[in-house]
Structures are given as C-alpha cells and as structure tokens.
C-alpha cells in the first residue's frame, strides 16, 4: 500500500485461544474446538406454498401475463376502468428493473387477481381485459 508491503495473518473464523508470546495478533488454537450445533430442521409442505386459484380469461378476453418472474410493484388501473391499447397497466420489478406492462388491447379491466407487492411467476395472470 503506497509502496509499502505488509504481511497480514488471519486467524481461522471462530478460533478460540490465547495469544502466542512474541507474535502479536496470533493466537494458539485450542485443543478442542467448540461443537457447532446442527442447523434447525425446516419443515416444508410437499406441494410448496399454496396459491389462490388462477383466473381464466373467457373467450374474447385478453390476459396480461408476467413475462418473467418478479414482484408486482404497482397497479396503475382499477377494475372497471377503460384502457386503450398501450396504456400502462402494471409495473413488474425483475432484476432491479421496473418493467411497464401495457394493455395489449383496448377494453375494460375485468380482473386484477394479484395485489401489488406480490412475488409472481413467469406466465402468471396479472390482469384480464374484456372487450
């Protein structure tokens, strides 16, 4: 550093001991290390987390699907609101980027099954637009 050389010795993580005489910063390792308890067992459901039933778009209705996994951070419309094609409907955060999901067709917002702040999967239905 700045043209000077330094020698740095690092003791093993969690080492317990007393300093070794004549070597500042060094410690003698104990003859017996403390036992580390095993991590607690985590019980998980066999089928994973339970999700609400996925709404289906009826004939003539257009779903807006999540293009990638992410978090739904904003909903710009309300159920019953009319939208034009290209109007922003939702904002999905994925990989620290906000992706605006526009209405693919003009119509009325029929359903918004996912509340903002929810983690979503790829191809999950986020909104349904009826003609």
Foldseek 3Di string as FASTA:
>chain_A
DVPDDDDDDDDPPQFDADADPPDPPDGDGDPDHDDDDDDDDDDADPVGDDDDDADDADPQKDFQWAQAWFFWADAPDDAFDWDAAFQFGTWGDDPNDTDTGTHNHTAGWHDQPDDGGDTDGGGGGGTMGHD
